[in-house]
Every structure is written in C-alpha cells, then in structure tokens.
C-alpha cells in the first residue's frame, strides 16, 4: 500500500514539471508539440519510440563545476565533449552531475531533464549539431511525454551558449 502512495506522489511531482514547462511555452507564445509515447529513459529510447532521426533528439546532460551546474544539450547520437564544455564555461574542472544533484538542485529525476536551463536558473549550452534541424525533440519532464520545439524559439527563450559540445561515438 505505501508503494502506491509513493508512486502517486512521484507522478504528481513529475506532472508538475510538465505543466510548468507547458505553461512557460504557452506564456511565451511558442509553438510546440507534446509527444506522448511509451515510457523511455534515454534519448536513444526516445528516438526509437518516436521514430525520429537520432540527431533531432536532444540528449540533455547536467554537468557540475566549481561555478555550479549547467545543462549541455547534444544530439542523442553524440557524447558530451567535456573539454569543450569546460572551455566554454571557463572552469577548471567539470564532471557529469550525480543523480543526487539532479534531485537536490533541480527537484527532478534522471532522464526527466527538459532542455530549458533558464527555468532551472542555470546556464544552457547547445551543440551546433542541431543547426541543420529546424526542430528538435527533448524530454518534457516526464518519462512518457516529450516536447518538440523549433530551434529558433528554443534559442530565443533559453539564450544558450552555442558551440561544438558533442563528439562522435567511436
């Protein structure tokens, strides 16, 4: 019985994330699509489930440095280039944030990070690999819904640092 209560609280908390994002996009008068799909935990799963090109799917990674947290967005078919991120943020040391950091500072879970770092009050970096795509798809704060948004609209709202932050998988 306690498991169901806990699950309901998590679901409510997750839905709040989605509602906050949708409200933000609605207030900004940005066109977007919410895509409902089966449960996915990774950007690769999202690409397979939505039958979208892997390079149009955003992998959203939280990084941590001595200056704090930042979101890095790269096409799902790439790895984050930590040296490039370190240089762009002008920090000495950078690492992927822990699951506990995501829970503590962003009040969400791994796999649920949406790409709007400005809503988390942290810098956002986006890989130039998306420049060929007019739109991209990213997590919307739940495991069963994603958001598709035009790159131009995203850039206007999130004000990301642009650069080459992804590297090809070997």
N, C-alpha and C. Protein backbone atom coordinates (compact mmCIF):
# COMPACT_ATOMS: atom_id res chain seq x y z
N UNK A 1 0.81 -1.21 0.00
CA UNK A 1 0.00 0.00 0.00
C UNK A 1 0.86 1.28 0.00
N UNK A 2 1.89 1.41 0.86
CA UNK A 2 2.72 2.62 0.83
C UNK A 2 3.35 2.86 -0.54
N UNK A 3 3.62 1.78 -1.28
CA UNK A 3 4.22 1.92 -2.60
C UNK A 3 3.30 2.71 -3.52
N UNK A 4 2.01 2.43 -3.49
CA UNK A 4 1.07 3.15 -4.35
C UNK A 4 1.02 4.63 -3.98
N UNK A 5 1.03 4.95 -2.70
CA UNK A 5 1.00 6.34 -2.26
C UNK A 5 2.26 7.06 -2.74
N UNK A 6 3.42 6.41 -2.57
CA UNK A 6 4.67 7.00 -3.01
C UNK A 6 4.66 7.19 -4.51
N UNK A 7 4.17 6.21 -5.25
CA UNK A 7 4.11 6.30 -6.71
C UNK A 7 3.20 7.46 -7.13
N UNK A 8 2.09 7.64 -6.45
CA UNK A 8 1.17 8.74 -6.78
C UNK A 8 1.84 10.09 -6.55
N UNK A 9 2.61 10.22 -5.47
CA UNK A 9 3.32 11.48 -5.19
C UNK A 9 4.35 11.77 -6.27
N UNK A 10 5.08 10.75 -6.69
CA UNK A 10 6.08 10.93 -7.73
C UNK A 10 5.40 11.35 -9.02
N UNK A 11 4.30 10.70 -9.38
CA UNK A 11 3.57 11.03 -10.59
C UNK A 11 3.08 12.47 -10.54
N UNK A 12 2.55 12.91 -9.42
CA UNK A 12 2.08 14.28 -9.26
C UNK A 12 3.24 15.25 -9.42
N UNK A 13 4.37 14.95 -8.80
CA UNK A 13 5.56 15.80 -8.90
C UNK A 13 6.05 15.89 -10.33
N UNK A 14 6.06 14.76 -11.03
CA UNK A 14 6.50 14.72 -12.42
C UNK A 14 5.54 15.53 -13.30
N UNK A 15 4.25 15.38 -13.07
CA UNK A 15 3.27 16.13 -13.87
C UNK A 15 3.43 17.64 -13.65
N UNK A 16 3.82 18.06 -12.44
CA UNK A 16 4.06 19.48 -12.17
C UNK A 16 5.17 20.01 -13.07
N UNK A 17 6.21 19.20 -13.28
CA UNK A 17 7.31 19.59 -14.17
C UNK A 17 6.78 19.85 -15.57
N UNK A 18 5.98 18.93 -16.08
CA UNK A 18 5.42 19.06 -17.42
C UNK A 18 4.53 20.29 -17.50
N UNK A 19 3.67 20.49 -16.51
CA UNK A 19 2.77 21.63 -16.51
C UNK A 19 3.53 22.95 -16.46
N UNK A 20 4.61 23.00 -15.70
CA UNK A 20 5.43 24.21 -15.60
C UNK A 20 6.04 24.53 -16.96
N UNK A 21 6.55 23.53 -17.65
CA UNK A 21 7.16 23.72 -18.96
C UNK A 21 6.10 24.17 -19.97
N UNK A 22 4.96 23.49 -20.00
CA UNK A 22 3.89 23.85 -20.94
C UNK A 22 3.40 25.27 -20.69
N UNK A 23 3.23 25.64 -19.44
CA UNK A 23 2.79 27.00 -19.09
C UNK A 23 3.81 28.03 -19.57
N UNK A 24 5.08 27.74 -19.36
CA UNK A 24 6.16 28.63 -19.79
C UNK A 24 6.12 28.84 -21.31
N UNK A 25 5.99 27.75 -22.05
CA UNK A 25 5.95 27.84 -23.51
C UNK A 25 4.68 28.54 -23.99
N UNK A 26 3.56 28.27 -23.33
CA UNK A 26 2.30 28.93 -23.69
C UNK A 26 2.40 30.44 -23.46
N UNK A 27 2.92 30.84 -22.31
CA UNK A 27 3.05 32.26 -21.99
C UNK A 27 4.00 32.97 -22.96
N UNK A 28 5.01 32.25 -23.45
CA UNK A 28 5.96 32.82 -24.41
C UNK A 28 5.39 32.80 -25.83
N UNK A 29 4.19 32.22 -25.98
CA UNK A 29 3.52 32.10 -27.28
C UNK A 29 4.39 31.36 -28.30
N UNK A 30 5.00 30.29 -27.82
CA UNK A 30 5.86 29.44 -28.66
C UNK A 30 5.05 28.24 -29.11
N UNK A 31 5.15 27.92 -30.41
CA UNK A 31 4.51 26.72 -30.92
C UNK A 31 5.37 25.52 -30.51
N UNK A 32 4.70 24.51 -30.01
CA UNK A 32 5.39 23.28 -29.62
C UNK A 32 4.40 22.14 -29.70
N UNK A 33 4.94 20.95 -29.76
CA UNK A 33 4.10 19.76 -29.73
C UNK A 33 4.53 18.91 -28.55
N UNK A 34 3.56 18.44 -27.79
CA UNK A 34 3.83 17.45 -26.75
C UNK A 34 3.60 16.09 -27.38
N UNK A 35 4.60 15.26 -27.32
CA UNK A 35 4.52 13.93 -27.90
C UNK A 35 4.34 12.91 -26.79
N UNK A 36 3.22 12.19 -26.82
CA UNK A 36 3.01 11.12 -25.85
C UNK A 36 3.58 9.84 -26.43
N UNK A 37 4.21 9.06 -25.58
CA UNK A 37 4.84 7.82 -26.03
C UNK A 37 4.97 6.86 -24.87
N UNK A 38 5.44 5.65 -25.16
CA UNK A 38 5.66 4.69 -24.07
C UNK A 38 6.78 5.21 -23.18
N UNK A 39 6.94 4.62 -22.04
CA UNK A 39 7.97 5.03 -21.09
C UNK A 39 9.36 4.88 -21.72
N UNK A 40 10.14 5.97 -21.66
CA UNK A 40 11.53 5.93 -22.14
C UNK A 40 12.42 6.57 -21.07
N UNK A 41 13.64 6.08 -21.00
CA UNK A 41 14.58 6.59 -20.01
C UNK A 41 15.80 7.27 -20.64
N UNK A 42 16.01 7.07 -21.94
CA UNK A 42 17.18 7.65 -22.59
C UNK A 42 16.76 8.32 -23.90
N UNK A 43 17.64 9.18 -24.39
CA UNK A 43 17.40 9.84 -25.67
C UNK A 43 17.37 8.82 -26.80
N UNK A 44 18.17 7.77 -26.70
CA UNK A 44 18.16 6.71 -27.71
C UNK A 44 16.80 6.01 -27.74
N UNK A 45 16.26 5.72 -26.56
CA UNK A 45 14.93 5.10 -26.48
C UNK A 45 13.87 6.03 -27.09
N UNK A 46 14.01 7.33 -26.83
CA UNK A 46 13.07 8.30 -27.37
C UNK A 46 13.11 8.31 -28.90
N UNK A 47 14.31 8.27 -29.47
CA UNK A 47 14.45 8.24 -30.94
C UNK A 47 13.76 7.00 -31.52
N UNK A 48 14.01 5.85 -30.90
CA UNK A 48 13.42 4.60 -31.39
C UNK A 48 11.90 4.61 -31.24
N UNK A 49 11.42 5.09 -30.12
CA UNK A 49 9.98 5.11 -29.84
C UNK A 49 9.23 6.07 -30.75
N UNK A 50 9.79 7.25 -30.97
CA UNK A 50 9.11 8.26 -31.78
C UNK A 50 9.45 8.15 -33.27
N UNK A 51 10.35 7.21 -33.59
CA UNK A 51 10.78 7.00 -34.98
C UNK A 51 11.33 8.29 -35.60
N UNK A 52 12.11 9.02 -34.79
CA UNK A 52 12.74 10.26 -35.24
C UNK A 52 14.23 10.01 -35.45
N UNK A 53 14.82 10.82 -36.30
CA UNK A 53 16.26 10.76 -36.51
C UNK A 53 16.97 11.04 -35.19
N UNK A 54 17.95 10.25 -34.86
CA UNK A 54 18.66 10.38 -33.58
C UNK A 54 19.31 11.75 -33.44
N UNK A 55 19.65 12.39 -34.55
CA UNK A 55 20.28 13.71 -34.48
C UNK A 55 19.27 14.83 -34.28
N UNK A 56 17.98 14.53 -34.28
CA UNK A 56 16.95 15.51 -33.98
C UNK A 56 16.42 15.33 -32.56
N UNK A 57 17.02 14.39 -31.82
CA UNK A 57 16.65 14.13 -30.43
C UNK A 57 17.72 14.75 -29.53
N UNK A 58 17.29 15.52 -28.56
CA UNK A 58 18.23 16.17 -27.65
C UNK A 58 18.56 15.28 -26.46
N UNK A 59 19.85 15.10 -26.26
CA UNK A 59 20.33 14.46 -25.04
C UNK A 59 20.67 15.62 -24.09
N UNK A 60 20.00 15.68 -22.96
CA UNK A 60 20.18 16.76 -22.00
C UNK A 60 20.99 16.22 -20.82
N UNK A 61 22.17 16.80 -20.63
CA UNK A 61 23.10 16.31 -19.61
C UNK A 61 23.39 17.43 -18.61
N UNK A 62 23.27 17.13 -17.35
CA UNK A 62 23.61 18.08 -16.30
C UNK A 62 25.07 17.91 -15.92
N UNK A 63 25.82 19.02 -15.95
CA UNK A 63 27.22 18.98 -15.56
C UNK A 63 27.43 19.87 -14.34
N UNK A 64 28.53 19.59 -13.64
CA UNK A 64 28.83 20.29 -12.39
C UNK A 64 30.27 20.78 -12.45
N UNK A 65 30.48 22.01 -12.00
CA UNK A 65 31.84 22.57 -11.94
C UNK A 65 31.97 23.37 -10.64
N UNK A 66 33.13 23.97 -10.45
CA UNK A 66 33.32 24.80 -9.26
C UNK A 66 32.41 26.04 -9.29
N UNK A 67 31.89 26.40 -10.43
CA UNK A 67 30.98 27.55 -10.55
C UNK A 67 29.52 27.15 -10.42
N UNK A 68 29.23 25.86 -10.38
CA UNK A 68 27.85 25.41 -10.24
C UNK A 68 27.44 24.44 -11.34
N UNK A 69 26.14 24.41 -11.61
CA UNK A 69 25.57 23.48 -12.57
C UNK A 69 25.32 24.14 -13.92
N UNK A 70 25.25 23.33 -14.96
CA UNK A 70 24.88 23.79 -16.30
C UNK A 70 24.25 22.62 -17.05
N UNK A 71 23.40 22.94 -18.02
CA UNK A 71 22.83 21.92 -18.88
C UNK A 71 23.57 21.94 -20.21
N UNK A 72 23.88 20.76 -20.71
CA UNK A 72 24.51 20.63 -22.01
C UNK A 72 23.57 19.81 -22.88
N UNK A 73 23.28 20.34 -24.08
CA UNK A 73 22.36 19.67 -24.98
C UNK A 73 23.12 19.30 -26.24
N UNK A 74 23.16 18.00 -26.53
CA UNK A 74 23.83 17.50 -27.72
C UNK A 74 22.87 16.54 -28.44
N UNK A 75 23.07 16.35 -29.76
CA UNK A 75 22.26 15.34 -30.44
C UNK A 75 22.47 13.98 -29.77
N UNK A 76 21.42 13.19 -29.69
CA UNK A 76 21.47 11.92 -28.98
C UNK A 76 22.52 10.96 -29.51
N UNK A 77 22.93 11.14 -30.76
CA UNK A 77 23.93 10.26 -31.34
C UNK A 77 25.36 10.64 -31.00
N UNK A 78 25.53 11.61 -30.10
CA UNK A 78 26.87 12.07 -29.74
C UNK A 78 27.11 11.98 -28.24
N UNK A 79 28.38 12.04 -27.88
CA UNK A 79 28.80 12.14 -26.48
C UNK A 79 29.05 13.60 -26.15
N UNK A 80 29.00 13.98 -24.89
CA UNK A 80 29.36 15.33 -24.47
C UNK A 80 30.88 15.44 -24.48
N UNK A 81 31.38 16.50 -25.09
CA UNK A 81 32.82 16.80 -25.09
C UNK A 81 33.09 17.67 -23.87
N UNK A 82 33.53 17.05 -22.79
CA UNK A 82 33.70 17.77 -21.53
C UNK A 82 34.78 18.85 -21.61
N UNK A 83 35.79 18.65 -22.41
CA UNK A 83 36.83 19.68 -22.56
C UNK A 83 36.25 20.93 -23.21
N UNK A 84 35.40 20.75 -24.22
CA UNK A 84 34.77 21.89 -24.88
C UNK A 84 33.83 22.63 -23.92
N UNK A 85 33.09 21.88 -23.13
CA UNK A 85 32.17 22.48 -22.15
C UNK A 85 32.97 23.25 -21.10
N UNK A 86 34.05 22.65 -20.63
CA UNK A 86 34.92 23.29 -19.64
C UNK A 86 35.44 24.63 -20.18
N UNK A 87 35.88 24.63 -21.41
CA UNK A 87 36.40 25.85 -22.03
C UNK A 87 35.30 26.91 -22.17
N UNK A 88 34.12 26.51 -22.62
CA UNK A 88 33.01 27.45 -22.81
C UNK A 88 32.55 28.07 -21.49
N UNK A 89 32.56 27.28 -20.44
CA UNK A 89 32.12 27.78 -19.13
C UNK A 89 33.26 28.47 -18.36
N UNK A 90 34.47 28.38 -18.89
CA UNK A 90 35.66 28.98 -18.26
C UNK A 90 35.83 28.48 -16.83
N UNK A 91 35.85 27.14 -16.72
CA UNK A 91 36.03 26.50 -15.42
C UNK A 91 37.24 25.59 -15.46
N UNK A 92 37.76 25.27 -14.29
CA UNK A 92 38.95 24.42 -14.20
C UNK A 92 38.61 22.94 -14.26
N UNK A 93 37.47 22.58 -13.71
CA UNK A 93 37.10 21.17 -13.61
C UNK A 93 35.61 21.02 -13.90
N UNK A 94 35.28 19.97 -14.64
CA UNK A 94 33.89 19.72 -14.97
C UNK A 94 33.62 18.22 -14.91
N UNK A 95 32.46 17.85 -14.48
CA UNK A 95 32.08 16.44 -14.45
C UNK A 95 30.58 16.33 -14.63
N UNK A 96 30.15 15.13 -14.94
CA UNK A 96 28.72 14.89 -15.05
C UNK A 96 28.15 14.93 -13.63
N UNK A 97 27.00 15.56 -13.48
CA UNK A 97 26.39 15.67 -12.16
C UNK A 97 25.84 14.31 -11.74
N UNK A 98 25.75 14.13 -10.46
CA UNK A 98 25.21 12.88 -9.91
C UNK A 98 23.69 12.94 -9.87
N UNK A 99 23.09 11.79 -9.78
CA UNK A 99 21.63 11.70 -9.68
C UNK A 99 21.14 12.48 -8.46
N UNK A 100 21.93 12.47 -7.38
CA UNK A 100 21.54 13.21 -6.17
C UNK A 100 21.54 14.72 -6.42
N UNK A 101 22.43 15.21 -7.30
CA UNK A 101 22.45 16.64 -7.65
C UNK A 101 21.17 17.01 -8.40
N UNK A 102 20.75 16.14 -9.29
CA UNK A 102 19.53 16.39 -10.07
C UNK A 102 18.34 16.49 -9.11
N UNK A 103 18.26 15.57 -8.19
CA UNK A 103 17.15 15.57 -7.23
C UNK A 103 17.22 16.78 -6.29
N UNK A 104 18.41 17.07 -5.78
CA UNK A 104 18.57 18.14 -4.80
C UNK A 104 18.38 19.54 -5.39
N UNK A 105 19.04 19.82 -6.49
CA UNK A 105 19.04 21.18 -7.03
C UNK A 105 17.94 21.45 -8.06
N UNK A 106 17.56 20.44 -8.82
CA UNK A 106 16.56 20.65 -9.87
C UNK A 106 15.21 20.04 -9.53
N UNK A 107 15.15 19.33 -8.41
CA UNK A 107 13.89 18.74 -7.92
C UNK A 107 13.24 17.83 -8.96
N UNK A 108 14.06 17.04 -9.65
CA UNK A 108 13.53 16.10 -10.62
C UNK A 108 14.39 14.84 -10.61
N UNK A 109 14.18 13.98 -11.57
CA UNK A 109 14.90 12.71 -11.63
C UNK A 109 15.71 12.63 -12.91
N UNK A 110 16.67 11.73 -12.90
CA UNK A 110 17.48 11.49 -14.08
C UNK A 110 16.57 11.06 -15.23
N UNK A 111 16.83 11.54 -16.42
CA UNK A 111 16.02 11.20 -17.58
C UNK A 111 14.83 12.13 -17.78
N UNK A 112 14.58 13.01 -16.83
CA UNK A 112 13.43 13.91 -16.92
C UNK A 112 13.82 15.36 -17.19
N UNK A 113 15.09 15.62 -17.35
CA UNK A 113 15.54 16.99 -17.55
C UNK A 113 15.06 17.53 -18.89
N UNK A 114 14.33 18.63 -18.85
CA UNK A 114 13.99 19.31 -20.10
C UNK A 114 15.14 20.24 -20.45
N UNK A 115 15.20 20.75 -21.69
CA UNK A 115 16.38 21.50 -22.12
C UNK A 115 16.41 22.98 -21.73
N UNK A 116 15.41 23.47 -21.05
CA UNK A 116 15.35 24.89 -20.71
C UNK A 116 16.05 25.17 -19.39
N UNK A 117 17.37 25.30 -19.45
CA UNK A 117 18.17 25.57 -18.25
C UNK A 117 17.75 26.85 -17.55
N UNK A 118 17.24 27.81 -18.31
CA UNK A 118 16.81 29.08 -17.71
C UNK A 118 15.69 28.86 -16.69
N UNK A 119 14.87 27.83 -16.87
CA UNK A 119 13.82 27.54 -15.89
C UNK A 119 14.41 26.95 -14.60
N UNK A 120 15.58 26.37 -14.72
CA UNK A 120 16.29 25.85 -13.54
C UNK A 120 17.24 26.91 -12.98
N UNK A 121 17.33 28.06 -13.68
CA UNK A 121 18.23 29.16 -13.31
C UNK A 121 19.70 28.73 -13.41
N UNK A 122 20.01 27.97 -14.47
CA UNK A 122 21.38 27.56 -14.74
C UNK A 122 21.69 27.78 -16.22
N UNK A 123 22.97 27.96 -16.55
CA UNK A 123 23.34 28.15 -17.96
C UNK A 123 23.01 26.92 -18.81
N UNK A 124 22.73 27.18 -20.08
CA UNK A 124 22.45 26.12 -21.05
C UNK A 124 23.45 26.24 -22.18
N UNK A 125 24.02 25.12 -22.57
CA UNK A 125 24.92 25.07 -23.72
C UNK A 125 24.28 24.14 -24.74
N UNK A 126 24.30 24.55 -26.01
CA UNK A 126 23.72 23.71 -27.05
C UNK A 126 24.73 23.49 -28.17
N UNK A 127 24.77 22.25 -28.61
CA UNK A 127 25.69 21.87 -29.67
C UNK A 127 25.20 22.40 -31.01
N UNK A 128 26.14 22.90 -31.80
CA UNK A 128 25.81 23.43 -33.13
C UNK A 128 25.32 22.34 -34.07
N UNK A 129 25.43 21.09 -33.66
CA UNK A 129 24.95 19.98 -34.47
C UNK A 129 23.46 20.04 -34.74
N UNK A 130 22.74 20.82 -33.95
CA UNK A 130 21.30 20.99 -34.18
C UNK A 130 21.00 22.04 -35.23
N UNK A 131 22.00 22.80 -35.66
CA UNK A 131 21.74 23.91 -36.58
C UNK A 131 21.11 23.46 -37.90
N UNK A 132 21.33 22.20 -38.29
CA UNK A 132 20.73 21.68 -39.52
C UNK A 132 19.25 21.34 -39.32
N UNK A 133 18.87 21.10 -38.11
CA UNK A 133 17.48 20.74 -37.80
C UNK A 133 16.68 22.00 -37.48
N UNK A 134 15.50 22.10 -38.02
CA UNK A 134 14.66 23.24 -37.69
C UNK A 134 13.99 23.05 -36.33
N UNK A 135 13.79 21.78 -35.95
CA UNK A 135 13.15 21.44 -34.68
C UNK A 135 13.95 20.34 -34.00
N UNK A 136 13.77 20.23 -32.70
CA UNK A 136 14.33 19.08 -32.00
C UNK A 136 13.35 18.61 -30.95
N UNK A 137 13.54 17.37 -30.51
CA UNK A 137 12.66 16.75 -29.52
C UNK A 137 13.50 16.48 -28.27
N UNK A 138 12.92 16.78 -27.12
CA UNK A 138 13.61 16.56 -25.85
C UNK A 138 12.60 16.14 -24.79
N UNK A 139 13.11 15.60 -23.69
CA UNK A 139 12.24 15.24 -22.57
C UNK A 139 11.46 16.48 -22.13
N UNK A 140 10.24 16.25 -21.68
CA UNK A 140 9.39 17.36 -21.25
C UNK A 140 9.13 17.31 -19.75
N UNK A 141 9.92 16.53 -19.04
CA UNK A 141 9.75 16.45 -17.60
C UNK A 141 9.03 15.19 -17.14
N UNK A 142 8.68 14.30 -18.09
CA UNK A 142 8.08 13.02 -17.73
C UNK A 142 8.73 11.93 -18.56
N UNK A 143 8.51 10.69 -18.18
CA UNK A 143 9.05 9.57 -18.94
C UNK A 143 8.17 9.21 -20.13
N UNK A 144 6.97 9.79 -20.21
CA UNK A 144 6.03 9.43 -21.27
C UNK A 144 5.64 10.59 -22.17
N UNK A 145 6.23 11.73 -21.98
CA UNK A 145 5.95 12.88 -22.84
C UNK A 145 7.23 13.62 -23.15
N UNK A 146 7.32 14.06 -24.38
CA UNK A 146 8.46 14.84 -24.83
C UNK A 146 7.94 16.07 -25.53
N UNK A 147 8.80 17.05 -25.69
CA UNK A 147 8.41 18.29 -26.34
C UNK A 147 9.21 18.45 -27.63
N UNK A 148 8.50 18.85 -28.68
CA UNK A 148 9.16 19.18 -29.94
C UNK A 148 9.02 20.68 -30.12
N UNK A 149 10.14 21.35 -30.29
CA UNK A 149 10.14 22.81 -30.38
C UNK A 149 11.10 23.25 -31.48
N UNK A 150 10.78 24.38 -32.12
CA UNK A 150 11.65 24.92 -33.14
C UNK A 150 12.95 25.42 -32.49
N UNK A 151 14.04 25.16 -33.13
CA UNK A 151 15.35 25.56 -32.61
C UNK A 151 15.41 27.07 -32.39
N UNK A 152 14.88 27.84 -33.32
CA UNK A 152 14.88 29.31 -33.18
C UNK A 152 14.13 29.76 -31.94
N UNK A 153 12.97 29.16 -31.68
CA UNK A 153 12.20 29.52 -30.49
C UNK A 153 12.94 29.13 -29.22
N UNK A 154 13.54 27.93 -29.24
CA UNK A 154 14.31 27.49 -28.08
C UNK A 154 15.43 28.48 -27.78
N UNK A 155 16.16 28.88 -28.82
CA UNK A 155 17.29 29.79 -28.62
C UNK A 155 16.84 31.15 -28.09
N UNK A 156 15.70 31.65 -28.55
CA UNK A 156 15.18 32.93 -28.05
C UNK A 156 14.87 32.84 -26.56
N UNK A 157 14.28 31.72 -26.15
CA UNK A 157 13.86 31.57 -24.75
C UNK A 157 15.00 31.19 -23.81
N UNK A 158 15.79 30.23 -24.20
CA UNK A 158 16.81 29.68 -23.29
C UNK A 158 18.13 30.47 -23.33
N UNK A 159 18.35 31.24 -24.41
CA UNK A 159 19.58 32.01 -24.54
C UNK A 159 20.82 31.13 -24.30
N UNK A 160 20.93 30.02 -25.02
CA UNK A 160 22.04 29.09 -24.76
C UNK A 160 23.37 29.59 -25.31
N UNK A 161 24.42 29.07 -24.74
CA UNK A 161 25.77 29.25 -25.28
C UNK A 161 25.88 28.23 -26.40
N UNK A 162 26.25 28.69 -27.61
CA UNK A 162 26.35 27.78 -28.75
C UNK A 162 27.81 27.42 -28.98
N UNK A 163 28.03 26.17 -29.34
CA UNK A 163 29.38 25.71 -29.62
C UNK A 163 29.36 24.25 -30.05
N UNK A 164 30.53 23.71 -30.22
CA UNK A 164 30.65 22.29 -30.56
C UNK A 164 30.90 21.56 -29.25
N UNK A 165 29.82 21.03 -28.68
CA UNK A 165 29.89 20.37 -27.38
C UNK A 165 29.67 18.87 -27.44
N UNK A 166 29.47 18.38 -28.65
CA UNK A 166 29.28 16.95 -28.84
C UNK A 166 30.42 16.38 -29.66
N UNK A 167 30.73 15.13 -29.39
CA UNK A 167 31.73 14.44 -30.21
C UNK A 167 31.16 13.10 -30.62
N UNK A 168 31.61 12.65 -31.77
CA UNK A 168 31.08 11.40 -32.30
C UNK A 168 31.47 10.21 -31.46
N UNK A 169 30.58 9.24 -31.47
CA UNK A 169 30.87 8.00 -30.77
C UNK A 169 31.84 7.21 -31.61
N UNK A 170 32.72 6.49 -30.95
CA UNK A 170 33.75 5.72 -31.68
C UNK A 170 33.36 4.31 -31.88
